[in-house]
């Protein structure tokens, strides 16, 4: 299991993004990959997300 993305690490990356005048910071790498995929194929990502939410709701009995 992966460890949580640390607050110190996030703060450091946020400071670097500010120094570089970046408008958007997407971290960690897994979130960045999902964000990029959503930009390339938004319809596919929407379908995958809808399916994932439905599965989670079913597991939880909602």
PDB file of N, CA and C in Angstrom:
ATOM      1  N   UNK A   1       0.840  -1.185   0.000  1.00  0.00           N
ATOM      2  CA  UNK A   1       0.000   0.000   0.000  1.00  0.00           C
ATOM      3  C   UNK A   1       0.884   1.247   0.000  1.00  0.00           C
ATOM      4  N   UNK A   2       0.472   2.214  -0.754  1.00  0.00           N
ATOM      5  CA  UNK A   2       1.236   3.461  -0.827  1.00  0.00           C
ATOM      6  C   UNK A   2       1.008   4.306   0.417  1.00  0.00           C
ATOM      7  N   UNK A   3       2.004   5.089   0.727  1.00  0.00           N
ATOM      8  CA  UNK A   3       1.853   6.015   1.845  1.00  0.00           C
ATOM      9  C   UNK A   3       1.166   7.279   1.346  1.00  0.00           C
ATOM     10  N   UNK A   4       0.584   7.997   2.252  1.00  0.00           N
ATOM     11  CA  UNK A   4      -0.110   9.233   1.901  1.00  0.00           C
ATOM     12  C   UNK A   4       0.886  10.267   1.382  1.00  0.00           C
ATOM     13  N   UNK A   5       0.404  11.138   0.549  1.00  0.00           N
ATOM     14  CA  UNK A   5       1.228  12.233   0.026  1.00  0.00           C
ATOM     15  C   UNK A   5       1.408  13.242   1.141  1.00  0.00           C
ATOM     16  N   UNK A   6       2.618  13.435   1.584  1.00  0.00           N
ATOM     17  CA  UNK A   6       2.892  14.258   2.754  1.00  0.00           C
ATOM     18  C   UNK A   6       2.642  15.743   2.554  1.00  0.00           C
ATOM     19  N   UNK A   7       2.228  16.383   3.624  1.00  0.00           N
ATOM     20  CA  UNK A   7       1.959  17.823   3.584  1.00  0.00           C
ATOM     21  C   UNK A   7       3.229  18.615   3.289  1.00  0.00           C
ATOM     22  N   UNK A   8       4.361  18.176   3.841  1.00  0.00           N
ATOM     23  CA  UNK A   8       5.624  18.871   3.582  1.00  0.00           C
ATOM     24  C   UNK A   8       6.009  18.795   2.111  1.00  0.00           C
ATOM     25  N   UNK A   9       5.809  17.630   1.544  1.00  0.00           N
ATOM     26  CA  UNK A   9       6.129  17.450   0.125  1.00  0.00           C
ATOM     27  C   UNK A   9       5.211  18.302  -0.747  1.00  0.00           C
ATOM     28  N   UNK A  10       3.933  18.323  -0.414  1.00  0.00           N
ATOM     29  CA  UNK A  10       2.981  19.143  -1.162  1.00  0.00           C
ATOM     30  C   UNK A  10       3.339  20.621  -1.056  1.00  0.00           C
ATOM     31  N   UNK A  11       3.678  21.059   0.138  1.00  0.00           N
ATOM     32  CA  UNK A  11       4.048  22.465   0.336  1.00  0.00           C
ATOM     33  C   UNK A  11       5.278  22.834  -0.486  1.00  0.00           C
ATOM     34  N   UNK A  12       6.262  21.954  -0.494  1.00  0.00           N
ATOM     35  CA  UNK A  12       7.482  22.214  -1.269  1.00  0.00           C
ATOM     36  C   UNK A  12       7.170  22.310  -2.759  1.00  0.00           C
ATOM     37  N   UNK A  13       6.340  21.395  -3.254  1.00  0.00           N
ATOM     38  CA  UNK A  13       5.982  21.433  -4.671  1.00  0.00           C
ATOM     39  C   UNK A  13       5.127  22.658  -4.999  1.00  0.00           C
ATOM     40  N   UNK A  14       4.283  23.065  -4.073  1.00  0.00           N
ATOM     41  CA  UNK A  14       3.469  24.266  -4.286  1.00  0.00           C
ATOM     42  C   UNK A  14       4.350  25.500  -4.377  1.00  0.00           C
ATOM     43  N   UNK A  15       5.351  25.584  -3.535  1.00  0.00           N
ATOM     44  CA  UNK A  15       6.275  26.727  -3.580  1.00  0.00           C
ATOM     45  C   UNK A  15       7.032  26.774  -4.898  1.00  0.00           C
ATOM     46  N   UNK A  16       7.464  25.618  -5.379  1.00  0.00           N
ATOM     47  CA  UNK A  16       8.153  25.564  -6.671  1.00  0.00           C
ATOM     48  C   UNK A  16       7.213  26.010  -7.779  1.00  0.00           C
ATOM     49  N   UNK A  17       5.956  25.568  -7.723  1.00  0.00           N
ATOM     50  CA  UNK A  17       4.972  25.966  -8.741  1.00  0.00           C
ATOM     51  C   UNK A  17       4.737  27.476  -8.717  1.00  0.00           C
ATOM     52  N   UNK A  18       4.681  28.052  -7.543  1.00  0.00           N
ATOM     53  CA  UNK A  18       4.502  29.509  -7.422  1.00  0.00           C
ATOM     54  C   UNK A  18       5.715  30.230  -8.000  1.00  0.00           C
ATOM     55  N   UNK A  19       6.913  29.751  -7.667  1.00  0.00           N
ATOM     56  CA  UNK A  19       8.134  30.371  -8.205  1.00  0.00           C
ATOM     57  C   UNK A  19       8.167  30.327  -9.726  1.00  0.00           C
ATOM     58  N   UNK A  20       7.638  29.262 -10.296  1.00  0.00           N
ATOM     59  CA  UNK A  20       7.626  29.103 -11.749  1.00  0.00           C
ATOM     60  C   UNK A  20       6.392  29.713 -12.389  1.00  0.00           C
ATOM     61  N   UNK A  21       5.556  30.371 -11.573  1.00  0.00           N
ATOM     62  CA  UNK A  21       4.340  31.047 -12.047  1.00  0.00           C
ATOM     63  C   UNK A  21       3.373  30.066 -12.718  1.00  0.00           C
ATOM     64  N   UNK A  22       3.251  28.884 -12.141  1.00  0.00           N
ATOM     65  CA  UNK A  22       2.337  27.874 -12.655  1.00  0.00           C
ATOM     66  C   UNK A  22       0.940  28.127 -12.105  1.00  0.00           C
ATOM     67  N   UNK A  23      -0.066  28.053 -12.972  1.00  0.00           N
ATOM     68  CA  UNK A  23      -1.447  28.295 -12.558  1.00  0.00           C
ATOM     69  C   UNK A  23      -2.093  27.049 -11.969  1.00  0.00           C
ATOM     70  N   UNK A  24      -1.516  25.884 -12.259  1.00  0.00           N
ATOM     71  CA  UNK A  24      -2.131  24.628 -11.859  1.00  0.00           C
ATOM     72  C   UNK A  24      -1.068  23.660 -11.368  1.00  0.00           C
ATOM     73  N   UNK A  25      -1.350  23.021 -10.245  1.00  0.00           N
ATOM     74  CA  UNK A  25      -0.452  22.007  -9.695  1.00  0.00           C
ATOM     75  C   UNK A  25      -1.279  20.760  -9.433  1.00  0.00           C
ATOM     76  N   UNK A  26      -0.977  19.692 -10.158  1.00  0.00           N
ATOM     77  CA  UNK A  26      -1.708  18.437  -9.989  1.00  0.00           C
ATOM     78  C   UNK A  26      -0.728  17.396  -9.466  1.00  0.00           C
ATOM     79  N   UNK A  27      -0.901  17.008  -8.213  1.00  0.00           N
ATOM     80  CA  UNK A  27      -0.040  16.017  -7.568  1.00  0.00           C
ATOM     81  C   UNK A  27      -0.902  15.083  -6.746  1.00  0.00           C
ATOM     82  N   UNK A  28      -0.503  13.893  -6.484  1.00  0.00           N
ATOM     83  CA  UNK A  28       0.724  13.200  -6.872  1.00  0.00           C
ATOM     84  C   UNK A  28       0.656  12.696  -8.314  1.00  0.00           C
ATOM     85  N   UNK A  29       1.627  11.903  -8.698  1.00  0.00           N
ATOM     86  CA  UNK A  29       1.754  11.450 -10.089  1.00  0.00           C
ATOM     87  C   UNK A  29       0.504  10.706 -10.573  1.00  0.00           C
ATOM     88  N   UNK A  30      -0.102   9.922  -9.721  1.00  0.00           N
ATOM     89  CA  UNK A  30      -1.308   9.175 -10.111  1.00  0.00           C
ATOM     90  C   UNK A  30      -2.445  10.143 -10.463  1.00  0.00           C
ATOM     91  N   UNK A  31      -2.597  11.200  -9.704  1.00  0.00           N
ATOM     92  CA  UNK A  31      -3.619  12.206  -9.999  1.00  0.00           C
ATOM     93  C   UNK A  31      -3.286  12.948 -11.283  1.00  0.00           C
ATOM     94  N   UNK A  32      -2.010  13.221 -11.497  1.00  0.00           N
ATOM     95  CA  UNK A  32      -1.580  13.907 -12.712  1.00  0.00           C
ATOM     96  C   UNK A  32      -1.871  13.045 -13.945  1.00  0.00           C
ATOM     97  N   UNK A  33      -1.629  11.743 -13.837  1.00  0.00           N
ATOM     98  CA  UNK A  33      -1.921  10.838 -14.948  1.00  0.00           C
ATOM     99  C   UNK A  33      -3.420  10.820 -15.251  1.00  0.00           C
ATOM    100  N   UNK A  34      -4.242  10.771 -14.218  1.00  0.00           N
ATOM    101  CA  UNK A  34      -5.694  10.777 -14.408  1.00  0.00           C
ATOM    102  C   UNK A  34      -6.140  12.103 -15.030  1.00  0.00           C
ATOM    103  N   UNK A  35      -5.557  13.198 -14.574  1.00  0.00           N
ATOM    104  CA  UNK A  35      -5.900  14.517 -15.111  1.00  0.00           C
ATOM    105  C   UNK A  35      -5.550  14.603 -16.603  1.00  0.00           C
ATOM    106  N   UNK A  36      -4.363  14.112 -16.949  1.00  0.00           N
ATOM    107  CA  UNK A  36      -3.952  14.136 -18.352  1.00  0.00           C
ATOM    108  C   UNK A  36      -4.871  13.279 -19.217  1.00  0.00           C
ATOM    109  N   UNK A  37      -5.198  12.088 -18.709  1.00  0.00           N
ATOM    110  CA  UNK A  37      -6.096  11.206 -19.449  1.00  0.00           C
ATOM    111  C   UNK A  37      -7.453  11.881 -19.654  1.00  0.00           C
ATOM    112  N   UNK A  38      -7.953  12.549 -18.621  1.00  0.00           N
ATOM    113  CA  UNK A  38      -9.239  13.244 -18.721  1.00  0.00           C
ATOM    114  C   UNK A  38      -9.180  14.374 -19.750  1.00  0.00           C
ATOM    115  N   UNK A  39      -8.035  14.993 -19.892  1.00  0.00           N
ATOM    116  CA  UNK A  39      -7.884  16.057 -20.888  1.00  0.00           C
ATOM    117  C   UNK A  39      -7.875  15.498 -22.304  1.00  0.00           C
ATOM    118  N   UNK A  40      -7.290  14.307 -22.461  1.00  0.00           N
ATOM    119  CA  UNK A  40      -7.183  13.692 -23.782  1.00  0.00           C
ATOM    120  C   UNK A  40      -8.490  13.014 -24.190  1.00  0.00           C
ATOM    121  N   UNK A  41      -9.115  12.328 -23.237  1.00  0.00           N
ATOM    122  CA  UNK A  41     -10.324  11.555 -23.547  1.00  0.00           C
ATOM    123  C   UNK A  41     -11.382  11.792 -22.473  1.00  0.00           C
ATOM    124  N   UNK A  42     -12.010  12.968 -22.463  1.00  0.00           N
ATOM    125  CA  UNK A  42     -12.956  13.295 -21.396  1.00  0.00           C
ATOM    126  C   UNK A  42     -14.176  12.371 -21.335  1.00  0.00           C
ATOM    127  N   UNK A  43     -14.677  11.938 -22.475  1.00  0.00           N
ATOM    128  CA  UNK A  43     -15.859  11.064 -22.476  1.00  0.00           C
ATOM    129  C   UNK A  43     -15.530   9.712 -21.874  1.00  0.00           C
ATOM    130  N   UNK A  44     -14.397   9.170 -22.230  1.00  0.00           N
ATOM    131  CA  UNK A  44     -13.978   7.879 -21.677  1.00  0.00           C
ATOM    132  C   UNK A  44     -13.768   8.004 -20.174  1.00  0.00           C
ATOM    133  N   UNK A  45     -13.125   9.077 -19.758  1.00  0.00           N
ATOM    134  CA  UNK A  45     -12.884   9.278 -18.323  1.00  0.00           C
ATOM    135  C   UNK A  45     -14.200   9.425 -17.566  1.00  0.00           C
ATOM    136  N   UNK A  46     -15.143  10.133 -18.137  1.00  0.00           N
ATOM    137  CA  UNK A  46     -16.446  10.308 -17.496  1.00  0.00           C
ATOM    138  C   UNK A  46     -17.153   8.960 -17.324  1.00  0.00           C
ATOM    139  N   UNK A  47     -17.100   8.140 -18.355  1.00  0.00           N
ATOM    140  CA  UNK A  47     -17.707   6.813 -18.271  1.00  0.00           C
ATOM    141  C   UNK A  47     -17.017   5.953 -17.218  1.00  0.00           C
ATOM    142  N   UNK A  48     -15.696   6.001 -17.182  1.00  0.00           N
ATOM    143  CA  UNK A  48     -14.946   5.220 -16.188  1.00  0.00           C
ATOM    144  C   UNK A  48     -15.278   5.686 -14.775  1.00  0.00           C
ATOM    145  N   UNK A  49     -15.377   6.987 -14.598  1.00  0.00           N
ATOM    146  CA  UNK A  49     -15.684   7.542 -13.283  1.00  0.00           C
ATOM    147  C   UNK A  49     -17.090   7.159 -12.851  1.00  0.00           C
ATOM    148  N   UNK A  50     -18.039   7.244 -13.771  1.00  0.00           N
ATOM    149  CA  UNK A  50     -19.421   6.871 -13.460  1.00  0.00           C
ATOM    150  C   UNK A  50     -19.505   5.402 -13.062  1.00  0.00           C
ATOM    151  N   UNK A  51     -18.813   4.556 -13.787  1.00  0.00           N
ATOM    152  CA  UNK A  51     -18.803   3.125 -13.481  1.00  0.00           C
ATOM    153  C   UNK A  51     -18.160   2.864 -12.112  1.00  0.00           C
ATOM    154  N   UNK A  52     -17.061   3.555 -11.832  1.00  0.00           N
ATOM    155  CA  UNK A  52     -16.376   3.388 -10.548  1.00  0.00           C
ATOM    156  C   UNK A  52     -17.280   3.799  -9.386  1.00  0.00           C
ATOM    157  N   UNK A  53     -17.954   4.925  -9.515  1.00  0.00           N
ATOM    158  CA  UNK A  53     -18.845   5.396  -8.455  1.00  0.00           C
ATOM    159  C   UNK A  53     -19.993   4.410  -8.244  1.00  0.00           C
ATOM    160  N   UNK A  54     -20.551   3.900  -9.327  1.00  0.00           N
ATOM    161  CA  UNK A  54     -21.637   2.920  -9.214  1.00  0.00           C
ATOM    162  C   UNK A  54     -21.160   1.666  -8.486  1.00  0.00           C
ATOM    163  N   UNK A  55     -19.962   1.206  -8.790  1.00  0.00           N
ATOM    164  CA  UNK A  55     -19.407   0.028  -8.114  1.00  0.00           C
ATOM    165  C   UNK A  55     -19.204   0.295  -6.628  1.00  0.00           C
ATOM    166  N   UNK A  56     -18.706   1.460  -6.286  1.00  0.00           N
ATOM    167  CA  UNK A  56     -18.477   1.800  -4.885  1.00  0.00           C
ATOM    168  C   UNK A  56     -19.793   1.884  -4.128  1.00  0.00           C
ATOM    169  N   UNK A  57     -20.802   2.461  -4.746  1.00  0.00           N
ATOM    170  CA  UNK A  57     -22.115   2.554  -4.119  1.00  0.00           C
ATOM    171  C   UNK A  57     -22.707   1.167  -3.891  1.00  0.00           C
ATOM    172  N   UNK A  58     -22.521   0.292  -4.860  1.00  0.00           N
ATOM    173  CA  UNK A  58     -23.035  -1.074  -4.735  1.00  0.00           C
ATOM    174  C   UNK A  58     -22.332  -1.797  -3.590  1.00  0.00           C
ATOM    175  N   UNK A  59     -21.033  -1.634  -3.477  1.00  0.00           N
ATOM    176  CA  UNK A  59     -20.276  -2.263  -2.399  1.00  0.00           C
ATOM    177  C   UNK A  59     -20.732  -1.775  -1.022  1.00  0.00           C
ATOM    178  N   UNK A  60     -21.098  -0.516  -0.959  1.00  0.00           N
ATOM    179  CA  UNK A  60     -21.496   0.072   0.320  1.00  0.00           C
ATOM    180  C   UNK A  60     -22.996  -0.068   0.587  1.00  0.00           C
ATOM    181  N   UNK A  61     -23.706  -0.640  -0.368  1.00  0.00           N
ATOM    182  CA  UNK A  61     -25.134  -0.846  -0.195  1.00  0.00           C
ATOM    183  C   UNK A  61     -25.961   0.414  -0.303  1.00  0.00           C
ATOM    184  N   UNK A  62     -25.494   1.376  -1.072  1.00  0.00           N
ATOM    185  CA  UNK A  62     -26.233   2.634  -1.239  1.00  0.00           C
ATOM    186  C   UNK A  62     -27.124   2.599  -2.450  1.00  0.00           C
TER     187      UNK A  62
END
